[in-house]
Amino acid sequence: MEQVIEFIGNNPILTTAFVAILTIIVIVEVRRMRSGGGDVEPGQATELFNKQNALFLDTRDENAFRKAHLPGAINVPGGSIDDRLNKLSRYKNRPVIVYCGTGLQSGRAVTRLRQEGFEQVYKLKGGFAAWQSAGFPLESK
């Protein structure tokens, strides 16, 4: 214990940096937990869909959606999320799983939904491609 106290006394800048980084990590993790979500794997998404009636929100373009999409998904192309918030508000109390083609572009929609009070918003890790490669069912219109 004496060595720790001596180290802190001899390295105040290093100690301050360590405490600051640790504080940032804790804050980020607390915010993530409060946001009611994060990334979910396709298997976890299936469980949310089957057990908690989760809604799939497809942010890909309309042509990609028509070719194939996740079961019961609603298509809200990435740029039109703000225009459809009123329509989506009825799903605020359900888990919402947002996905795009590869999982890289759906983050904006997740952030926007959380800002609007959606409590359980998740991003499908790997997007449509991960779902498809896992062999889970698809629908088409």
N, C-alpha and C. Protein backbone atom coordinates (compact mmCIF):
# COMPACT_ATOMS: atom_id res chain seq x y z
N MET A 1 0.82 -1.19 0.00
CA MET A 1 0.00 0.00 0.00
C MET A 1 0.87 1.26 0.00
N GLU A 2 1.96 1.21 0.74
CA GLU A 2 2.86 2.35 0.79
C GLU A 2 3.45 2.65 -0.58
N GLN A 3 3.70 1.58 -1.36
CA GLN A 3 4.25 1.77 -2.69
C GLN A 3 3.25 2.47 -3.61
N VAL A 4 1.98 2.15 -3.46
CA VAL A 4 0.95 2.80 -4.27
C VAL A 4 0.89 4.29 -3.94
N ILE A 5 0.88 4.61 -2.68
CA ILE A 5 0.84 6.01 -2.25
C ILE A 5 2.08 6.75 -2.74
N GLU A 6 3.22 6.10 -2.66
CA GLU A 6 4.46 6.72 -3.13
C GLU A 6 4.41 6.94 -4.65
N PHE A 7 3.89 5.95 -5.38
CA PHE A 7 3.77 6.07 -6.83
C PHE A 7 2.86 7.25 -7.19
N ILE A 8 1.72 7.36 -6.51
CA ILE A 8 0.79 8.46 -6.77
C ILE A 8 1.47 9.80 -6.49
N GLY A 9 2.20 9.87 -5.39
CA GLY A 9 2.91 11.10 -5.04
C GLY A 9 3.99 11.47 -6.04
N ASN A 10 4.65 10.47 -6.61
CA ASN A 10 5.74 10.72 -7.56
C ASN A 10 5.25 10.93 -8.99
N ASN A 11 4.01 10.54 -9.28
CA ASN A 11 3.49 10.61 -10.65
C ASN A 11 2.09 11.23 -10.69
N PRO A 12 1.96 12.49 -10.30
CA PRO A 12 0.62 13.09 -10.25
C PRO A 12 -0.05 13.22 -11.62
N ILE A 13 0.72 13.49 -12.65
CA ILE A 13 0.13 13.63 -13.99
C ILE A 13 -0.38 12.28 -14.49
N LEU A 14 0.41 11.26 -14.33
CA LEU A 14 0.00 9.92 -14.74
C LEU A 14 -1.23 9.45 -13.95
N THR A 15 -1.23 9.73 -12.66
CA THR A 15 -2.36 9.34 -11.81
C THR A 15 -3.63 10.09 -12.22
N THR A 16 -3.50 11.38 -12.50
CA THR A 16 -4.65 12.18 -12.93
C THR A 16 -5.19 11.67 -14.27
N ALA A 17 -4.30 11.35 -15.19
CA ALA A 17 -4.72 10.82 -16.48
C ALA A 17 -5.46 9.50 -16.31
N PHE A 18 -4.95 8.64 -15.46
CA PHE A 18 -5.59 7.35 -15.20
C PHE A 18 -7.00 7.54 -14.64
N VAL A 19 -7.14 8.41 -13.67
CA VAL A 19 -8.45 8.67 -13.06
C VAL A 19 -9.41 9.27 -14.09
N ALA A 20 -8.91 10.18 -14.92
CA ALA A 20 -9.76 10.79 -15.95
C ALA A 20 -10.25 9.75 -16.95
N ILE A 21 -9.37 8.90 -17.42
CA ILE A 21 -9.75 7.85 -18.38
C ILE A 21 -10.73 6.88 -17.75
N LEU A 22 -10.48 6.50 -16.54
CA LEU A 22 -11.40 5.59 -15.83
C LEU A 22 -12.78 6.22 -15.67
N THR A 23 -12.82 7.50 -15.36
CA THR A 23 -14.09 8.22 -15.23
C THR A 23 -14.84 8.25 -16.55
N ILE A 24 -14.14 8.52 -17.63
CA ILE A 24 -14.77 8.55 -18.96
C ILE A 24 -15.35 7.19 -19.31
N ILE A 25 -14.61 6.14 -19.04
CA ILE A 25 -15.09 4.78 -19.33
C ILE A 25 -16.36 4.49 -18.53
N VAL A 26 -16.37 4.85 -17.28
CA VAL A 26 -17.56 4.62 -16.44
C VAL A 26 -18.75 5.40 -16.97
N ILE A 27 -18.55 6.65 -17.33
CA ILE A 27 -19.64 7.49 -17.85
C ILE A 27 -20.20 6.90 -19.14
N VAL A 28 -19.33 6.50 -20.05
CA VAL A 28 -19.77 5.92 -21.32
C VAL A 28 -20.57 4.64 -21.08
N GLU A 29 -20.10 3.80 -20.20
CA GLU A 29 -20.81 2.54 -19.91
C GLU A 29 -22.16 2.78 -19.24
N VAL A 30 -22.23 3.74 -18.34
CA VAL A 30 -23.50 4.06 -17.69
C VAL A 30 -24.49 4.59 -18.71
N ARG A 31 -24.05 5.46 -19.60
CA ARG A 31 -24.94 5.98 -20.65
C ARG A 31 -25.41 4.86 -21.57
N ARG A 32 -24.51 3.95 -21.90
CA ARG A 32 -24.89 2.84 -22.77
C ARG A 32 -25.94 1.97 -22.10
N MET A 33 -25.77 1.70 -20.83
CA MET A 33 -26.75 0.87 -20.11
C MET A 33 -28.09 1.58 -19.98
N ARG A 34 -28.07 2.87 -19.75
CA ARG A 34 -29.31 3.63 -19.63
C ARG A 34 -30.03 3.76 -20.96
N SER A 35 -29.30 3.72 -22.05
CA SER A 35 -29.92 3.90 -23.36
C SER A 35 -30.76 2.71 -23.76
N GLY A 36 -30.71 1.63 -23.00
CA GLY A 36 -31.57 0.49 -23.26
C GLY A 36 -31.17 -0.31 -24.46
N GLY A 37 -29.95 -0.34 -24.79
CA GLY A 37 -29.58 -1.13 -25.94
C GLY A 37 -28.11 -1.11 -26.23
N GLY A 38 -27.82 -1.32 -27.45
CA GLY A 38 -26.47 -1.44 -27.93
C GLY A 38 -26.52 -2.30 -29.16
N ASP A 39 -25.45 -2.99 -29.44
CA ASP A 39 -25.42 -3.90 -30.58
C ASP A 39 -25.96 -5.25 -30.15
N VAL A 40 -26.72 -5.88 -31.04
CA VAL A 40 -27.18 -7.25 -30.80
C VAL A 40 -26.78 -8.12 -31.97
N GLU A 41 -26.39 -9.33 -31.68
CA GLU A 41 -26.07 -10.32 -32.70
C GLU A 41 -27.38 -10.83 -33.30
N PRO A 42 -27.35 -11.43 -34.49
CA PRO A 42 -28.58 -11.96 -35.08
C PRO A 42 -29.34 -12.92 -34.17
N GLY A 43 -28.65 -13.76 -33.43
CA GLY A 43 -29.32 -14.69 -32.52
C GLY A 43 -30.06 -13.96 -31.41
N GLN A 44 -29.45 -12.91 -30.87
CA GLN A 44 -30.09 -12.12 -29.82
C GLN A 44 -31.30 -11.37 -30.39
N ALA A 45 -31.16 -10.89 -31.64
CA ALA A 45 -32.27 -10.19 -32.28
C ALA A 45 -33.46 -11.12 -32.47
N THR A 46 -33.20 -12.37 -32.84
CA THR A 46 -34.26 -13.36 -32.99
C THR A 46 -34.99 -13.57 -31.67
N GLU A 47 -34.22 -13.64 -30.61
CA GLU A 47 -34.81 -13.83 -29.28
C GLU A 47 -35.69 -12.64 -28.90
N LEU A 48 -35.22 -11.42 -29.16
CA LEU A 48 -36.02 -10.23 -28.88
C LEU A 48 -37.30 -10.22 -29.72
N PHE A 49 -37.18 -10.63 -30.97
CA PHE A 49 -38.33 -10.68 -31.88
C PHE A 49 -39.36 -11.70 -31.39
N ASN A 50 -38.90 -12.88 -31.03
CA ASN A 50 -39.81 -13.95 -30.63
C ASN A 50 -40.39 -13.77 -29.23
N LYS A 51 -39.60 -13.28 -28.30
CA LYS A 51 -40.05 -13.21 -26.91
C LYS A 51 -40.61 -11.86 -26.48
N GLN A 52 -40.15 -10.78 -27.14
CA GLN A 52 -40.58 -9.45 -26.71
C GLN A 52 -41.24 -8.65 -27.83
N ASN A 53 -41.58 -9.33 -28.93
CA ASN A 53 -42.27 -8.69 -30.04
C ASN A 53 -41.50 -7.49 -30.59
N ALA A 54 -40.20 -7.64 -30.73
CA ALA A 54 -39.36 -6.56 -31.24
C ALA A 54 -39.73 -6.21 -32.67
N LEU A 55 -39.52 -4.96 -33.01
CA LEU A 55 -39.76 -4.46 -34.35
C LEU A 55 -38.43 -4.33 -35.07
N PHE A 56 -38.35 -4.82 -36.30
CA PHE A 56 -37.16 -4.62 -37.12
C PHE A 56 -37.37 -3.37 -37.96
N LEU A 57 -36.39 -2.48 -37.95
CA LEU A 57 -36.44 -1.25 -38.71
C LEU A 57 -35.30 -1.27 -39.72
N ASP A 58 -35.65 -1.37 -40.99
CA ASP A 58 -34.69 -1.49 -42.09
C ASP A 58 -34.38 -0.10 -42.64
N THR A 59 -33.13 0.33 -42.55
CA THR A 59 -32.76 1.66 -43.03
C THR A 59 -32.13 1.63 -44.42
N ARG A 60 -32.18 0.47 -45.08
CA ARG A 60 -31.64 0.39 -46.45
C ARG A 60 -32.62 1.04 -47.42
N ASP A 61 -32.19 1.23 -48.66
CA ASP A 61 -33.08 1.84 -49.65
C ASP A 61 -34.24 0.90 -49.99
N GLU A 62 -35.26 1.47 -50.60
CA GLU A 62 -36.50 0.73 -50.86
C GLU A 62 -36.29 -0.47 -51.77
N ASN A 63 -35.41 -0.37 -52.76
CA ASN A 63 -35.16 -1.51 -53.66
C ASN A 63 -34.57 -2.70 -52.91
N ALA A 64 -33.60 -2.44 -52.06
CA ALA A 64 -33.00 -3.52 -51.27
C ALA A 64 -34.04 -4.13 -50.34
N PHE A 65 -34.89 -3.29 -49.76
CA PHE A 65 -35.94 -3.78 -48.86
C PHE A 65 -36.90 -4.70 -49.60
N ARG A 66 -37.30 -4.32 -50.81
CA ARG A 66 -38.25 -5.14 -51.58
C ARG A 66 -37.66 -6.50 -51.95
N LYS A 67 -36.38 -6.53 -52.23
CA LYS A 67 -35.74 -7.81 -52.59
C LYS A 67 -35.76 -8.78 -51.42
N ALA A 68 -35.40 -8.30 -50.25
CA ALA A 68 -35.40 -9.16 -49.06
C ALA A 68 -35.22 -8.30 -47.81
N HIS A 69 -35.91 -8.68 -46.75
CA HIS A 69 -35.80 -7.99 -45.47
C HIS A 69 -36.11 -8.95 -44.33
N LEU A 70 -35.85 -8.51 -43.13
CA LEU A 70 -36.10 -9.33 -41.95
C LEU A 70 -37.61 -9.43 -41.70
N PRO A 71 -38.06 -10.48 -41.04
CA PRO A 71 -39.50 -10.70 -40.84
C PRO A 71 -40.21 -9.51 -40.17
N GLY A 72 -41.28 -9.06 -40.81
CA GLY A 72 -42.10 -7.98 -40.25
C GLY A 72 -41.44 -6.62 -40.24
N ALA A 73 -40.33 -6.46 -40.93
CA ALA A 73 -39.58 -5.20 -40.89
C ALA A 73 -40.36 -4.06 -41.53
N ILE A 74 -40.10 -2.87 -41.03
CA ILE A 74 -40.62 -1.63 -41.61
C ILE A 74 -39.44 -0.94 -42.28
N ASN A 75 -39.66 -0.45 -43.49
CA ASN A 75 -38.59 0.22 -44.22
C ASN A 75 -38.64 1.72 -43.97
N VAL A 76 -37.57 2.24 -43.40
CA VAL A 76 -37.40 3.68 -43.20
C VAL A 76 -35.99 4.00 -43.67
N PRO A 77 -35.83 4.32 -44.96
CA PRO A 77 -34.49 4.62 -45.47
C PRO A 77 -33.80 5.67 -44.59
N GLY A 78 -32.51 5.48 -44.38
CA GLY A 78 -31.73 6.29 -43.46
C GLY A 78 -32.03 7.77 -43.43
N GLY A 79 -32.16 8.39 -44.57
CA GLY A 79 -32.39 9.83 -44.62
C GLY A 79 -33.79 10.27 -44.25
N SER A 80 -34.74 9.34 -44.15
CA SER A 80 -36.13 9.73 -43.90
C SER A 80 -36.59 9.45 -42.48
N ILE A 81 -35.68 9.17 -41.58
CA ILE A 81 -36.07 8.82 -40.21
C ILE A 81 -36.84 9.96 -39.54
N ASP A 82 -36.41 11.20 -39.74
CA ASP A 82 -37.09 12.34 -39.12
C ASP A 82 -38.51 12.51 -39.64
N ASP A 83 -38.72 12.21 -40.93
CA ASP A 83 -40.05 12.34 -41.52
C ASP A 83 -41.03 11.31 -41.00
N ARG A 84 -40.54 10.21 -40.47
CA ARG A 84 -41.43 9.11 -40.06
C ARG A 84 -41.50 8.92 -38.55
N LEU A 85 -40.97 9.85 -37.79
CA LEU A 85 -40.97 9.69 -36.33
C LEU A 85 -42.38 9.60 -35.76
N ASN A 86 -43.33 10.38 -36.30
CA ASN A 86 -44.71 10.31 -35.79
C ASN A 86 -45.29 8.92 -36.00
N LYS A 87 -45.04 8.34 -37.16
CA LYS A 87 -45.56 7.01 -37.46
C LYS A 87 -44.90 5.95 -36.57
N LEU A 88 -43.63 6.15 -36.26
CA LEU A 88 -42.89 5.17 -35.46
C LEU A 88 -43.15 5.31 -33.96
N SER A 89 -43.71 6.43 -33.53
CA SER A 89 -43.88 6.67 -32.09
C SER A 89 -44.74 5.62 -31.40
N ARG A 90 -45.60 4.95 -32.12
CA ARG A 90 -46.44 3.91 -31.49
C ARG A 90 -45.62 2.69 -31.06
N TYR A 91 -44.38 2.61 -31.51
CA TYR A 91 -43.51 1.48 -31.15
C TYR A 91 -42.54 1.82 -30.01
N LYS A 92 -42.73 2.95 -29.35
CA LYS A 92 -41.80 3.40 -28.31
C LYS A 92 -41.63 2.41 -27.17
N ASN A 93 -42.66 1.66 -26.87
CA ASN A 93 -42.59 0.73 -25.73
C ASN A 93 -42.18 -0.67 -26.12
N ARG A 94 -41.85 -0.87 -27.38
CA ARG A 94 -41.37 -2.18 -27.85
C ARG A 94 -39.88 -2.09 -28.15
N PRO A 95 -39.18 -3.20 -28.06
CA PRO A 95 -37.79 -3.18 -28.53
C PRO A 95 -37.76 -2.92 -30.04
N VAL A 96 -36.86 -2.07 -30.47
CA VAL A 96 -36.69 -1.76 -31.89
C VAL A 96 -35.27 -2.13 -32.27
N ILE A 97 -35.15 -2.96 -33.31
CA ILE A 97 -33.84 -3.38 -33.79
C ILE A 97 -33.62 -2.75 -35.16
N VAL A 98 -32.66 -1.85 -35.23
CA VAL A 98 -32.38 -1.11 -36.46
C VAL A 98 -31.26 -1.80 -37.20
N TYR A 99 -31.42 -1.91 -38.52
CA TYR A 99 -30.35 -2.50 -39.31
C TYR A 99 -30.23 -1.83 -40.67
N CYS A 100 -29.04 -1.94 -41.24
CA CYS A 100 -28.75 -1.48 -42.59
C CYS A 100 -28.11 -2.65 -43.33
N GLY A 101 -27.36 -2.37 -44.37
CA GLY A 101 -26.75 -3.46 -45.13
C GLY A 101 -25.68 -4.22 -44.37
N THR A 102 -24.78 -3.49 -43.74
CA THR A 102 -23.64 -4.13 -43.09
C THR A 102 -23.48 -3.76 -41.62
N GLY A 103 -24.35 -2.92 -41.10
CA GLY A 103 -24.27 -2.51 -39.70
C GLY A 103 -23.48 -1.24 -39.47
N LEU A 104 -23.05 -0.59 -40.54
CA LEU A 104 -22.22 0.60 -40.39
C LEU A 104 -23.02 1.90 -40.44
N GLN A 105 -24.22 1.89 -41.06
CA GLN A 105 -24.94 3.14 -41.26
C GLN A 105 -26.22 3.28 -40.44
N SER A 106 -26.57 2.30 -39.67
CA SER A 106 -27.82 2.36 -38.91
C SER A 106 -27.67 3.13 -37.60
N GLY A 107 -26.47 3.48 -37.23
CA GLY A 107 -26.23 4.18 -35.97
C GLY A 107 -26.94 5.51 -35.86
N ARG A 108 -27.06 6.24 -36.97
CA ARG A 108 -27.75 7.53 -36.95
C ARG A 108 -29.21 7.36 -36.57
N ALA A 109 -29.85 6.35 -37.13
CA ALA A 109 -31.26 6.10 -36.80
C ALA A 109 -31.41 5.69 -35.34
N VAL A 110 -30.49 4.88 -34.84
CA VAL A 110 -30.53 4.47 -33.43
C VAL A 110 -30.43 5.70 -32.53
N THR A 111 -29.48 6.57 -32.82
CA THR A 111 -29.30 7.79 -32.03
C THR A 111 -30.55 8.66 -32.08
N ARG A 112 -31.12 8.81 -33.25
CA ARG A 112 -32.31 9.66 -33.42
C ARG A 112 -33.50 9.10 -32.63
N LEU A 113 -33.70 7.80 -32.70
CA LEU A 113 -34.81 7.18 -31.96
C LEU A 113 -34.62 7.35 -30.46
N ARG A 114 -33.41 7.20 -29.98
CA ARG A 114 -33.15 7.38 -28.55
C ARG A 114 -33.44 8.82 -28.13
N GLN A 115 -33.08 9.76 -28.99
CA GLN A 115 -33.36 11.17 -28.70
C GLN A 115 -34.86 11.43 -28.59
N GLU A 116 -35.64 10.65 -29.31
CA GLU A 116 -37.09 10.82 -29.31
C GLU A 116 -37.79 10.01 -28.21
N GLY A 117 -37.03 9.39 -27.34
CA GLY A 117 -37.62 8.71 -26.20
C GLY A 117 -37.83 7.21 -26.34
N PHE A 118 -37.34 6.63 -27.41
CA PHE A 118 -37.41 5.17 -27.54
C PHE A 118 -36.43 4.59 -26.53
N GLU A 119 -36.93 3.71 -25.68
CA GLU A 119 -36.11 3.22 -24.58
C GLU A 119 -35.30 1.98 -24.91
N GLN A 120 -35.81 1.14 -25.78
CA GLN A 120 -35.11 -0.11 -26.10
C GLN A 120 -34.77 -0.14 -27.59
N VAL A 121 -33.70 0.52 -27.95
CA VAL A 121 -33.28 0.57 -29.35
C VAL A 121 -31.94 -0.15 -29.47
N TYR A 122 -31.88 -1.05 -30.42
CA TYR A 122 -30.68 -1.85 -30.64
C TYR A 122 -30.25 -1.73 -32.10
N LYS A 123 -28.98 -1.93 -32.32
CA LYS A 123 -28.45 -1.98 -33.69
C LYS A 123 -28.04 -3.41 -33.97
N LEU A 124 -28.48 -3.94 -35.10
CA LEU A 124 -28.12 -5.30 -35.49
C LEU A 124 -26.66 -5.32 -35.92
N LYS A 125 -25.84 -5.98 -35.16
CA LYS A 125 -24.41 -6.05 -35.44
C LYS A 125 -24.19 -6.80 -36.76
N GLY A 126 -23.53 -6.15 -37.69
CA GLY A 126 -23.28 -6.76 -38.99
C GLY A 126 -24.40 -6.53 -39.98
N GLY A 127 -25.52 -5.97 -39.52
CA GLY A 127 -26.63 -5.62 -40.39
C GLY A 127 -27.26 -6.80 -41.11
N PHE A 128 -27.89 -6.48 -42.24
CA PHE A 128 -28.58 -7.48 -43.05
C PHE A 128 -27.65 -8.61 -43.46
N ALA A 129 -26.42 -8.27 -43.79
CA ALA A 129 -25.45 -9.28 -44.24
C ALA A 129 -25.20 -10.33 -43.16
N ALA A 130 -25.09 -9.91 -41.91
CA ALA A 130 -24.87 -10.86 -40.81
C ALA A 130 -26.09 -11.75 -40.60
N TRP A 131 -27.27 -11.16 -40.70
CA TRP A 131 -28.52 -11.92 -40.55
C TRP A 131 -28.60 -12.99 -41.64
N GLN A 132 -28.35 -12.57 -42.87
CA GLN A 132 -28.43 -13.48 -44.02
C GLN A 132 -27.39 -14.60 -43.92
N SER A 133 -26.17 -14.26 -43.56
CA SER A 133 -25.12 -15.28 -43.48
C SER A 133 -25.35 -16.24 -42.31
N ALA A 134 -26.11 -15.81 -41.30
CA ALA A 134 -26.45 -16.70 -40.18
C ALA A 134 -27.57 -17.67 -40.56
N GLY A 135 -28.19 -17.44 -41.72
CA GLY A 135 -29.22 -18.35 -42.21
C GLY A 135 -30.60 -18.13 -41.61
N PHE A 136 -30.84 -16.97 -41.03
CA PHE A 136 -32.15 -16.68 -40.46
C PHE A 136 -33.14 -16.32 -41.57
N PRO A 137 -34.46 -16.45 -41.31
CA PRO A 137 -35.46 -16.25 -42.35
C PRO A 137 -35.53 -14.82 -42.87
N LEU A 138 -35.94 -14.71 -44.12
CA LEU A 138 -36.11 -13.42 -44.79
C LEU A 138 -37.49 -13.38 -45.43
N GLU A 139 -37.97 -12.17 -45.67
CA GLU A 139 -39.21 -11.96 -46.41
C GLU A 139 -38.89 -11.07 -47.60
N SER A 140 -39.81 -11.04 -48.56
CA SER A 140 -39.65 -10.12 -49.70
C SER A 140 -41.02 -9.58 -50.07
N LYS A 141 -41.01 -8.43 -50.72
CA LYS A 141 -42.27 -7.80 -51.15
C LYS A 141 -42.20 -7.52 -52.62
